[in-house]
Amino acid sequence: MILYNGRPENTDGRLEREVRTYDFLDATGIEYLRTDHEPVNNMEACNEIDAVLGVLICKNLFLCNRQKTSFYLLMMPGDKKFKTKELSAQINSARLSFAGADDMLKYLDIEPGAVSIMGLMNDKDHAVKLLIDEDVLKGEYIGCHPCVCTSSLKMKTADLIEKFLPATGHDFKKVHLLGED
């Protein structure tokens, strides 16, 4: 894997949602590093990508309540365990579960395996609430996918919070997850 500065020079063969992500980041003035790779389906491969980027890629979970009236995108460190009960109490939403692929596509224009904060640029109706674990906010950089699972990005956490989120019209709620048994 090679680390590139910014968008690919040639976008032939790349999905429109990925190119749209680069367009959005560039228009927002956010600098980012990128690496391209095969789809990732195990932690070993994730660790290789983390090493190339020099950052721990966030675990991004797309969640909903039982009635599917509230949707949440949770960003947390990849090495923390997710405990539904722990999060439910903090956001006053019982019976959280993973949202389906149809809802990912509908709200974020993302498919399973590529869930990322970048999808919020596609949530024009602001139907998805962003939740960020406090440990993610402590890092200088964040790693995420550009709406596809075959590339990964590294950008400053401050740029994500101060430039990206305002440009999408989204805010976030900081949560505290222990991730322990």
N, C-alpha and C. Protein backbone atom coordinates (compact mmCIF):
# COMPACT_ATOMS: atom_id res chain seq x y z
N MET A 1 0.83 -1.19 0.00
CA MET A 1 0.00 0.00 0.00
C MET A 1 0.88 1.25 0.00
N ILE A 2 0.44 2.22 -0.75
CA ILE A 2 1.16 3.48 -0.88
C ILE A 2 0.31 4.59 -0.25
N LEU A 3 0.97 5.54 0.38
CA LEU A 3 0.28 6.68 0.97
C LEU A 3 0.34 7.85 -0.02
N TYR A 4 -0.82 8.35 -0.40
CA TYR A 4 -0.93 9.45 -1.35
C TYR A 4 -1.41 10.71 -0.64
N ASN A 5 -1.05 11.86 -1.17
CA ASN A 5 -1.54 13.12 -0.66
C ASN A 5 -2.77 13.53 -1.47
N GLY A 6 -3.94 13.45 -0.86
CA GLY A 6 -5.17 13.88 -1.52
C GLY A 6 -5.80 12.87 -2.45
N ARG A 7 -6.62 13.38 -3.34
CA ARG A 7 -7.44 12.57 -4.24
C ARG A 7 -6.61 11.84 -5.29
N PRO A 8 -7.18 10.79 -5.88
CA PRO A 8 -6.47 10.11 -6.97
C PRO A 8 -6.39 11.03 -8.20
N GLU A 9 -5.28 10.94 -8.92
CA GLU A 9 -5.14 11.75 -10.15
C GLU A 9 -6.15 11.31 -11.19
N ASN A 10 -6.40 10.03 -11.27
CA ASN A 10 -7.34 9.49 -12.25
C ASN A 10 -8.47 8.79 -11.48
N THR A 11 -9.70 9.22 -11.70
CA THR A 11 -10.83 8.63 -10.97
C THR A 11 -11.60 7.61 -11.80
N ASP A 12 -11.06 7.22 -12.96
CA ASP A 12 -11.71 6.19 -13.77
C ASP A 12 -11.83 4.90 -12.96
N GLY A 13 -13.00 4.29 -13.01
CA GLY A 13 -13.22 3.03 -12.32
C GLY A 13 -13.57 3.19 -10.84
N ARG A 14 -13.59 4.41 -10.35
CA ARG A 14 -13.97 4.64 -8.95
C ARG A 14 -15.45 4.99 -8.87
N LEU A 15 -16.09 4.57 -7.80
CA LEU A 15 -17.51 4.84 -7.63
C LEU A 15 -17.77 6.33 -7.46
N GLU A 16 -18.89 6.77 -7.94
CA GLU A 16 -19.27 8.18 -7.88
C GLU A 16 -19.29 8.68 -6.44
N ARG A 17 -19.73 7.85 -5.49
CA ARG A 17 -19.79 8.28 -4.09
C ARG A 17 -18.39 8.55 -3.52
N GLU A 18 -17.39 7.81 -4.00
CA GLU A 18 -16.02 8.05 -3.56
C GLU A 18 -15.50 9.37 -4.13
N VAL A 19 -15.71 9.59 -5.41
CA VAL A 19 -15.26 10.83 -6.06
C VAL A 19 -15.96 12.03 -5.42
N ARG A 20 -17.23 11.88 -5.12
CA ARG A 20 -18.00 12.95 -4.46
C ARG A 20 -17.40 13.28 -3.09
N THR A 21 -16.87 12.28 -2.41
CA THR A 21 -16.23 12.51 -1.11
C THR A 21 -14.98 13.39 -1.29
N TYR A 22 -14.16 13.06 -2.28
CA TYR A 22 -12.96 13.87 -2.53
C TYR A 22 -13.34 15.29 -2.93
N ASP A 23 -14.37 15.43 -3.75
CA ASP A 23 -14.84 16.76 -4.16
C ASP A 23 -15.26 17.58 -2.94
N PHE A 24 -16.00 16.94 -2.04
CA PHE A 24 -16.50 17.62 -0.84
C PHE A 24 -15.33 18.04 0.05
N LEU A 25 -14.40 17.13 0.29
CA LEU A 25 -13.24 17.46 1.15
C LEU A 25 -12.41 18.58 0.54
N ASP A 26 -12.18 18.51 -0.76
CA ASP A 26 -11.39 19.54 -1.43
C ASP A 26 -12.10 20.89 -1.36
N ALA A 27 -13.41 20.91 -1.59
CA ALA A 27 -14.18 22.16 -1.56
C ALA A 27 -14.21 22.75 -0.14
N THR A 28 -14.08 21.90 0.86
CA THR A 28 -14.11 22.34 2.25
C THR A 28 -12.72 22.74 2.74
N GLY A 29 -11.71 22.51 1.94
CA GLY A 29 -10.35 22.89 2.31
C GLY A 29 -9.70 21.95 3.32
N ILE A 30 -10.14 20.70 3.33
CA ILE A 30 -9.58 19.73 4.26
C ILE A 30 -8.47 18.93 3.56
N GLU A 31 -7.30 18.93 4.15
CA GLU A 31 -6.19 18.14 3.62
C GLU A 31 -6.30 16.72 4.16
N TYR A 32 -5.93 15.76 3.33
CA TYR A 32 -6.02 14.36 3.76
C TYR A 32 -5.01 13.51 3.01
N LEU A 33 -4.63 12.43 3.65
CA LEU A 33 -3.79 11.42 3.03
C LEU A 33 -4.69 10.23 2.71
N ARG A 34 -4.32 9.46 1.69
CA ARG A 34 -5.16 8.36 1.22
C ARG A 34 -4.31 7.15 0.87
N THR A 35 -4.86 5.99 1.13
CA THR A 35 -4.26 4.75 0.65
C THR A 35 -5.37 3.88 0.04
N ASP A 36 -5.04 3.18 -1.01
CA ASP A 36 -5.99 2.28 -1.67
C ASP A 36 -5.64 0.85 -1.30
N HIS A 37 -6.65 0.00 -1.19
CA HIS A 37 -6.43 -1.37 -0.75
C HIS A 37 -7.61 -2.25 -1.14
N GLU A 38 -7.46 -3.53 -0.96
CA GLU A 38 -8.55 -4.47 -1.18
C GLU A 38 -9.59 -4.29 -0.07
N PRO A 39 -10.84 -4.70 -0.30
CA PRO A 39 -11.83 -4.63 0.79
C PRO A 39 -11.30 -5.37 2.03
N VAL A 40 -11.56 -4.80 3.17
CA VAL A 40 -11.04 -5.34 4.42
C VAL A 40 -12.11 -6.16 5.14
N ASN A 41 -11.73 -7.36 5.58
CA ASN A 41 -12.71 -8.18 6.29
C ASN A 41 -12.13 -8.85 7.53
N ASN A 42 -10.95 -8.41 7.98
CA ASN A 42 -10.41 -8.93 9.23
C ASN A 42 -9.50 -7.88 9.88
N MET A 43 -9.24 -8.09 11.16
CA MET A 43 -8.47 -7.11 11.92
C MET A 43 -7.01 -7.03 11.46
N GLU A 44 -6.47 -8.14 10.96
CA GLU A 44 -5.09 -8.14 10.47
C GLU A 44 -4.93 -7.13 9.32
N ALA A 45 -5.87 -7.18 8.39
CA ALA A 45 -5.84 -6.25 7.25
C ALA A 45 -6.04 -4.81 7.73
N CYS A 46 -6.93 -4.63 8.70
CA CYS A 46 -7.16 -3.29 9.27
C CYS A 46 -5.88 -2.75 9.90
N ASN A 47 -5.17 -3.62 10.60
CA ASN A 47 -3.92 -3.20 11.24
C ASN A 47 -2.87 -2.77 10.22
N GLU A 48 -2.84 -3.44 9.07
CA GLU A 48 -1.90 -3.05 8.01
C GLU A 48 -2.23 -1.65 7.49
N ILE A 49 -3.50 -1.37 7.29
CA ILE A 49 -3.94 -0.05 6.81
C ILE A 49 -3.61 1.01 7.86
N ASP A 50 -3.90 0.69 9.13
CA ASP A 50 -3.57 1.62 10.22
C ASP A 50 -2.09 1.98 10.20
N ALA A 51 -1.24 0.98 9.96
CA ALA A 51 0.21 1.19 9.96
C ALA A 51 0.63 2.11 8.80
N VAL A 52 0.02 1.92 7.63
CA VAL A 52 0.34 2.76 6.47
C VAL A 52 -0.09 4.20 6.74
N LEU A 53 -1.28 4.37 7.30
CA LEU A 53 -1.80 5.72 7.56
C LEU A 53 -1.16 6.34 8.80
N GLY A 54 -0.66 5.52 9.70
CA GLY A 54 -0.11 6.04 10.94
C GLY A 54 -1.18 6.53 11.88
N VAL A 55 -2.35 5.90 11.83
CA VAL A 55 -3.47 6.28 12.68
C VAL A 55 -4.39 5.07 12.84
N LEU A 56 -5.09 5.02 13.95
CA LEU A 56 -6.06 3.96 14.17
C LEU A 56 -7.37 4.35 13.49
N ILE A 57 -7.81 3.53 12.55
CA ILE A 57 -9.07 3.83 11.87
C ILE A 57 -10.22 3.60 12.84
N CYS A 58 -11.14 4.52 12.86
CA CYS A 58 -12.28 4.42 13.75
C CYS A 58 -13.20 3.26 13.36
N LYS A 59 -13.81 2.69 14.39
CA LYS A 59 -14.90 1.75 14.17
C LYS A 59 -16.14 2.64 14.01
N ASN A 60 -16.86 2.47 12.92
CA ASN A 60 -18.06 3.26 12.65
C ASN A 60 -19.24 2.32 12.63
N LEU A 61 -20.19 2.54 13.52
CA LEU A 61 -21.37 1.69 13.61
C LEU A 61 -22.61 2.49 13.27
N PHE A 62 -23.44 1.95 12.39
CA PHE A 62 -24.69 2.61 12.02
C PHE A 62 -25.81 1.91 12.77
N LEU A 63 -26.44 2.65 13.67
CA LEU A 63 -27.41 2.08 14.61
C LEU A 63 -28.77 2.73 14.46
N CYS A 64 -29.78 2.05 14.98
CA CYS A 64 -31.13 2.63 15.00
C CYS A 64 -31.89 2.12 16.22
N ASN A 65 -32.98 2.80 16.54
CA ASN A 65 -33.84 2.31 17.61
C ASN A 65 -34.77 1.24 17.01
N ARG A 66 -35.51 0.59 17.86
CA ARG A 66 -36.36 -0.52 17.42
C ARG A 66 -37.38 -0.08 16.36
N GLN A 67 -37.94 1.10 16.53
CA GLN A 67 -38.97 1.61 15.61
C GLN A 67 -38.40 2.16 14.30
N LYS A 68 -37.08 2.25 14.23
CA LYS A 68 -36.40 2.83 13.07
C LYS A 68 -36.84 4.28 12.83
N THR A 69 -37.00 5.00 13.95
CA THR A 69 -37.35 6.42 13.85
C THR A 69 -36.14 7.30 14.20
N SER A 70 -35.13 6.69 14.80
CA SER A 70 -33.90 7.42 15.14
C SER A 70 -32.70 6.61 14.65
N PHE A 71 -31.80 7.31 13.96
CA PHE A 71 -30.60 6.66 13.42
C PHE A 71 -29.37 7.36 13.98
N TYR A 72 -28.34 6.56 14.24
CA TYR A 72 -27.12 7.07 14.86
C TYR A 72 -25.89 6.52 14.13
N LEU A 73 -24.90 7.37 13.99
CA LEU A 73 -23.60 6.94 13.50
C LEU A 73 -22.65 7.10 14.68
N LEU A 74 -22.11 5.98 15.15
CA LEU A 74 -21.21 5.98 16.29
C LEU A 74 -19.78 5.79 15.82
N MET A 75 -18.92 6.72 16.21
CA MET A 75 -17.48 6.61 15.94
C MET A 75 -16.79 6.27 17.25
N MET A 76 -16.03 5.17 17.24
CA MET A 76 -15.34 4.75 18.44
C MET A 76 -14.01 4.12 18.06
N PRO A 77 -13.06 4.06 18.99
CA PRO A 77 -11.78 3.42 18.67
C PRO A 77 -12.01 1.97 18.23
N GLY A 78 -11.25 1.54 17.26
CA GLY A 78 -11.41 0.20 16.73
C GLY A 78 -11.12 -0.90 17.71
N ASP A 79 -10.36 -0.59 18.76
CA ASP A 79 -10.00 -1.61 19.73
C ASP A 79 -10.93 -1.67 20.94
N LYS A 80 -11.98 -0.85 20.96
CA LYS A 80 -12.96 -0.88 22.05
C LYS A 80 -14.10 -1.81 21.70
N LYS A 81 -14.65 -2.46 22.71
CA LYS A 81 -15.83 -3.30 22.50
C LYS A 81 -17.07 -2.43 22.61
N PHE A 82 -18.06 -2.71 21.77
CA PHE A 82 -19.31 -1.95 21.78
C PHE A 82 -20.32 -2.62 22.70
N LYS A 83 -20.84 -1.87 23.63
CA LYS A 83 -21.86 -2.35 24.56
C LYS A 83 -23.12 -1.51 24.36
N THR A 84 -24.16 -2.13 23.83
CA THR A 84 -25.41 -1.42 23.54
C THR A 84 -25.96 -0.72 24.77
N LYS A 85 -26.00 -1.43 25.88
CA LYS A 85 -26.58 -0.89 27.11
C LYS A 85 -25.86 0.38 27.56
N GLU A 86 -24.54 0.36 27.42
CA GLU A 86 -23.72 1.50 27.83
C GLU A 86 -24.06 2.77 27.03
N LEU A 87 -24.27 2.60 25.73
CA LEU A 87 -24.60 3.74 24.87
C LEU A 87 -26.05 4.16 25.04
N SER A 88 -26.95 3.21 25.12
CA SER A 88 -28.39 3.50 25.23
C SER A 88 -28.68 4.46 26.38
N ALA A 89 -28.04 4.24 27.51
CA ALA A 89 -28.27 5.08 28.68
C ALA A 89 -27.83 6.52 28.43
N GLN A 90 -26.77 6.71 27.66
CA GLN A 90 -26.25 8.06 27.43
C GLN A 90 -27.06 8.86 26.42
N ILE A 91 -27.75 8.18 25.52
CA ILE A 91 -28.51 8.90 24.49
C ILE A 91 -30.02 8.74 24.67
N ASN A 92 -30.42 8.13 25.77
CA ASN A 92 -31.85 7.93 26.08
C ASN A 92 -32.60 7.27 24.93
N SER A 93 -32.03 6.19 24.45
CA SER A 93 -32.67 5.44 23.37
C SER A 93 -32.50 3.95 23.65
N ALA A 94 -33.57 3.34 24.10
CA ALA A 94 -33.52 1.91 24.42
C ALA A 94 -33.60 1.08 23.14
N ARG A 95 -33.18 -0.14 23.26
CA ARG A 95 -33.29 -1.13 22.18
C ARG A 95 -32.57 -0.72 20.90
N LEU A 96 -31.34 -0.31 21.05
CA LEU A 96 -30.53 0.00 19.88
C LEU A 96 -30.11 -1.28 19.18
N SER A 97 -30.06 -1.21 17.86
CA SER A 97 -29.56 -2.35 17.09
C SER A 97 -28.85 -1.80 15.85
N PHE A 98 -28.23 -2.70 15.12
CA PHE A 98 -27.56 -2.29 13.90
C PHE A 98 -28.60 -2.02 12.82
N ALA A 99 -28.48 -0.90 12.16
CA ALA A 99 -29.40 -0.57 11.07
C ALA A 99 -29.03 -1.42 9.86
N GLY A 100 -29.99 -1.64 9.01
CA GLY A 100 -29.79 -2.49 7.85
C GLY A 100 -29.10 -1.79 6.68
N ALA A 101 -28.69 -2.60 5.73
CA ALA A 101 -28.00 -2.10 4.54
C ALA A 101 -28.86 -1.11 3.76
N ASP A 102 -30.17 -1.35 3.70
CA ASP A 102 -31.07 -0.44 2.99
C ASP A 102 -31.05 0.95 3.61
N ASP A 103 -31.03 1.00 4.95
CA ASP A 103 -31.00 2.29 5.63
C ASP A 103 -29.66 2.99 5.45
N MET A 104 -28.57 2.22 5.42
CA MET A 104 -27.24 2.81 5.17
C MET A 104 -27.23 3.50 3.82
N LEU A 105 -27.77 2.82 2.84
CA LEU A 105 -27.80 3.36 1.49
C LEU A 105 -28.73 4.57 1.41
N LYS A 106 -29.89 4.47 2.04
CA LYS A 106 -30.89 5.55 2.01
C LYS A 106 -30.38 6.83 2.66
N TYR A 107 -29.78 6.72 3.84
CA TYR A 107 -29.40 7.92 4.60
C TYR A 107 -27.96 8.39 4.33
N LEU A 108 -27.03 7.46 4.12
CA LEU A 108 -25.62 7.83 4.00
C LEU A 108 -25.02 7.56 2.63
N ASP A 109 -25.76 6.89 1.75
CA ASP A 109 -25.24 6.45 0.46
C ASP A 109 -23.95 5.65 0.64
N ILE A 110 -24.02 4.70 1.57
CA ILE A 110 -22.89 3.84 1.91
C ILE A 110 -23.38 2.41 2.01
N GLU A 111 -22.51 1.47 1.64
CA GLU A 111 -22.83 0.06 1.76
C GLU A 111 -22.09 -0.55 2.94
N PRO A 112 -22.56 -1.69 3.45
CA PRO A 112 -21.87 -2.33 4.57
C PRO A 112 -20.38 -2.52 4.28
N GLY A 113 -19.58 -2.29 5.31
CA GLY A 113 -18.13 -2.40 5.17
C GLY A 113 -17.46 -1.07 4.90
N ALA A 114 -18.25 -0.06 4.55
CA ALA A 114 -17.69 1.26 4.22
C ALA A 114 -18.29 2.37 5.07
N VAL A 115 -18.99 2.02 6.15
CA VAL A 115 -19.63 3.03 6.99
C VAL A 115 -18.57 4.01 7.49
N SER A 116 -18.89 5.29 7.36
CA SER A 116 -17.92 6.33 7.67
C SER A 116 -18.62 7.65 7.92
N ILE A 117 -17.98 8.50 8.69
CA ILE A 117 -18.49 9.84 8.93
C ILE A 117 -18.65 10.61 7.62
N MET A 118 -17.89 10.25 6.60
CA MET A 118 -18.00 10.91 5.30
C MET A 118 -19.41 10.80 4.72
N GLY A 119 -20.13 9.76 5.10
CA GLY A 119 -21.50 9.58 4.61
C GLY A 119 -22.45 10.69 5.05
N LEU A 120 -22.09 11.42 6.10
CA LEU A 120 -22.97 12.50 6.57
C LEU A 120 -23.14 13.60 5.52
N MET A 121 -22.20 13.71 4.58
CA MET A 121 -22.35 14.71 3.51
C MET A 121 -23.55 14.36 2.63
N ASN A 122 -24.00 13.10 2.66
CA ASN A 122 -25.14 12.66 1.86
C ASN A 122 -26.46 12.71 2.63
N ASP A 123 -26.40 13.00 3.92
CA ASP A 123 -27.59 13.05 4.77
C ASP A 123 -28.14 14.47 4.79
N LYS A 124 -28.76 14.86 3.69
CA LYS A 124 -29.24 16.24 3.52
C LYS A 124 -30.37 16.59 4.49
N ASP A 125 -31.14 15.57 4.93
CA ASP A 125 -32.26 15.83 5.85
C ASP A 125 -31.85 15.74 7.32
N HIS A 126 -30.57 15.48 7.56
CA HIS A 126 -30.04 15.39 8.93
C HIS A 126 -30.81 14.37 9.78
N ALA A 127 -31.08 13.23 9.19
CA ALA A 127 -31.80 12.16 9.87
C ALA A 127 -30.89 11.36 10.80
N VAL A 128 -29.58 11.44 10.59
CA VAL A 128 -28.63 10.65 11.36
C VAL A 128 -27.94 11.53 12.40
N LYS A 129 -27.94 11.05 13.64
CA LYS A 129 -27.27 11.77 14.72
C LYS A 129 -25.87 11.17 14.90
N LEU A 130 -24.88 12.03 14.96
CA LEU A 130 -23.49 11.59 15.11
C LEU A 130 -23.12 11.50 16.59
N LEU A 131 -22.56 10.36 16.96
CA LEU A 131 -22.07 10.12 18.32
C LEU A 131 -20.58 9.81 18.20
N ILE A 132 -19.75 10.51 18.99
CA ILE A 132 -18.31 10.28 18.93
C ILE A 132 -17.80 9.96 20.33
N ASP A 133 -17.14 8.82 20.45
CA ASP A 133 -16.53 8.47 21.73
C ASP A 133 -15.43 9.47 22.04
N GLU A 134 -15.34 9.86 23.30
CA GLU A 134 -14.38 10.89 23.71
C GLU A 134 -12.93 10.52 23.37
N ASP A 135 -12.60 9.24 23.34
CA ASP A 135 -11.23 8.84 23.01
C ASP A 135 -10.88 9.15 21.55
N VAL A 136 -11.87 9.12 20.67
CA VAL A 136 -11.63 9.47 19.26
C VAL A 136 -11.26 10.95 19.17
N LEU A 137 -11.93 11.76 19.96
CA LEU A 137 -11.69 13.21 19.93
C LEU A 137 -10.32 13.60 20.49
N LYS A 138 -9.71 12.71 21.27
CA LYS A 138 -8.40 13.00 21.86
C LYS A 138 -7.26 12.88 20.85
N GLY A 139 -7.49 12.13 19.79
CA GLY A 139 -6.44 11.92 18.80
C GLY A 139 -6.28 13.12 17.88
N GLU A 140 -5.05 13.35 17.44
CA GLU A 140 -4.79 14.47 16.52
C GLU A 140 -5.36 14.17 15.13
N TYR A 141 -5.38 12.88 14.77
CA TYR A 141 -5.86 12.47 13.45
C TYR A 141 -6.94 11.41 13.56
N ILE A 142 -7.73 11.33 12.49
CA ILE A 142 -8.79 10.32 12.38
C ILE A 142 -8.60 9.59 11.06
N GLY A 143 -8.85 8.30 11.09
CA GLY A 143 -8.83 7.49 9.88
C GLY A 143 -10.25 7.03 9.56
N CYS A 144 -10.63 7.08 8.28
CA CYS A 144 -11.97 6.66 7.87
C CYS A 144 -11.98 6.31 6.38
N HIS A 145 -13.08 5.75 5.94
CA HIS A 145 -13.26 5.42 4.52
C HIS A 145 -13.92 6.59 3.77
N PRO A 146 -13.60 6.78 2.50
CA PRO A 146 -14.27 7.80 1.68
C PRO A 146 -15.54 7.24 1.02
N CYS A 147 -16.40 6.66 1.84
CA CYS A 147 -17.69 6.09 1.40
C CYS A 147 -17.54 4.80 0.58
N VAL A 148 -16.35 4.24 0.53
CA VAL A 148 -16.09 2.94 -0.09
C VAL A 148 -15.08 2.20 0.79
N CYS A 149 -15.07 0.88 0.69
CA CYS A 149 -14.18 0.10 1.56
C CYS A 149 -12.86 -0.27 0.89
N THR A 150 -12.55 0.37 -0.23
CA THR A 150 -11.31 0.06 -0.95
C THR A 150 -10.28 1.19 -0.86
N SER A 151 -10.57 2.19 -0.07
CA SER A 151 -9.64 3.29 0.21
C SER A 151 -9.84 3.72 1.65
N SER A 152 -8.80 4.31 2.23
CA SER A 152 -8.89 4.84 3.58
C SER A 152 -8.19 6.19 3.62
N LEU A 153 -8.70 7.07 4.49
CA LEU A 153 -8.19 8.44 4.58
C LEU A 153 -7.67 8.73 5.98
N LYS A 154 -6.75 9.69 6.05
CA LYS A 154 -6.26 10.22 7.32
C LYS A 154 -6.39 11.73 7.24
N MET A 155 -7.03 12.31 8.27
CA MET A 155 -7.18 13.76 8.32
C MET A 155 -7.15 14.23 9.76
N LYS A 156 -6.94 15.51 9.94
CA LYS A 156 -6.90 16.06 11.29
C LYS A 156 -8.30 15.99 11.91
N THR A 157 -8.33 15.58 13.17
CA THR A 157 -9.59 15.52 13.91
C THR A 157 -10.22 16.91 13.96
N ALA A 158 -9.41 17.93 14.17
CA ALA A 158 -9.92 19.30 14.24
C ALA A 158 -10.60 19.70 12.94
N ASP A 159 -10.05 19.29 11.79
CA ASP A 159 -10.68 19.61 10.50
C ASP A 159 -12.03 18.93 10.36
N LEU A 160 -12.11 17.72 10.86
CA LEU A 160 -13.38 16.99 10.80
C LEU A 160 -14.45 17.71 11.62
N ILE A 161 -14.08 18.13 12.82
CA ILE A 161 -15.03 18.78 13.73
C ILE A 161 -15.33 20.22 13.32
N GLU A 162 -14.28 20.97 12.94
CA GLU A 162 -14.43 22.40 12.69
C GLU A 162 -14.78 22.77 11.25
N LYS A 163 -14.49 21.88 10.29
CA LYS A 163 -14.77 22.18 8.88
C LYS A 163 -15.79 21.23 8.27
N PHE A 164 -15.54 19.92 8.39
CA PHE A 164 -16.40 18.94 7.74
C PHE A 164 -17.83 18.97 8.29
N LEU A 165 -17.97 18.83 9.61
CA LEU A 165 -19.31 18.78 10.20
C LEU A 165 -20.12 20.05 9.92
N PRO A 166 -19.55 21.25 10.12
CA PRO A 166 -20.33 22.45 9.78
C PRO A 166 -20.76 22.48 8.30
N ALA A 167 -19.89 21.99 7.41
CA ALA A 167 -20.22 21.98 5.98
C ALA A 167 -21.37 21.03 5.67
N THR A 168 -21.53 19.99 6.50
CA THR A 168 -22.64 19.05 6.29
C THR A 168 -23.89 19.48 7.03
N GLY A 169 -23.74 20.42 7.97
CA GLY A 169 -24.88 20.85 8.78
C GLY A 169 -25.15 19.93 9.96
N HIS A 170 -24.20 19.07 10.28
CA HIS A 170 -24.35 18.14 11.40
C HIS A 170 -23.55 18.60 12.61
N ASP A 171 -24.03 18.20 13.76
CA ASP A 171 -23.33 18.41 15.01
C ASP A 171 -23.02 17.02 15.56
N PHE A 172 -22.48 16.92 16.74
CA PHE A 172 -22.22 15.61 17.32
C PHE A 172 -22.45 15.65 18.82
N LYS A 173 -22.63 14.47 19.38
CA LYS A 173 -22.73 14.31 20.83
C LYS A 173 -21.54 13.46 21.26
N LYS A 174 -20.79 13.94 22.24
CA LYS A 174 -19.67 13.18 22.78
C LYS A 174 -20.22 12.14 23.76
N VAL A 175 -19.75 10.90 23.60
CA VAL A 175 -20.17 9.82 24.50
C VAL A 175 -18.94 9.21 25.16
N HIS A 176 -19.17 8.54 26.26
CA HIS A 176 -18.09 7.91 27.03
C HIS A 176 -18.35 6.41 27.07
N LEU A 177 -17.55 5.66 26.31
CA LEU A 177 -17.71 4.21 26.27
C LEU A 177 -16.52 3.57 26.93
N LEU A 178 -16.78 2.69 27.87
CA LEU A 178 -15.70 1.98 28.57
C LEU A 178 -15.19 0.84 27.71
N GLY A 179 -16.10 0.13 27.05
CA GLY A 179 -15.72 -0.97 26.19
C GLY A 179 -15.13 -2.15 26.94
N GLU A 180 -15.49 -2.27 28.21
CA GLU A 180 -14.97 -3.37 29.03
C GLU A 180 -16.06 -4.37 29.32
N ASP A 181 -15.63 -5.59 29.64
CA ASP A 181 -16.60 -6.63 30.01
C ASP A 181 -17.09 -6.43 31.42
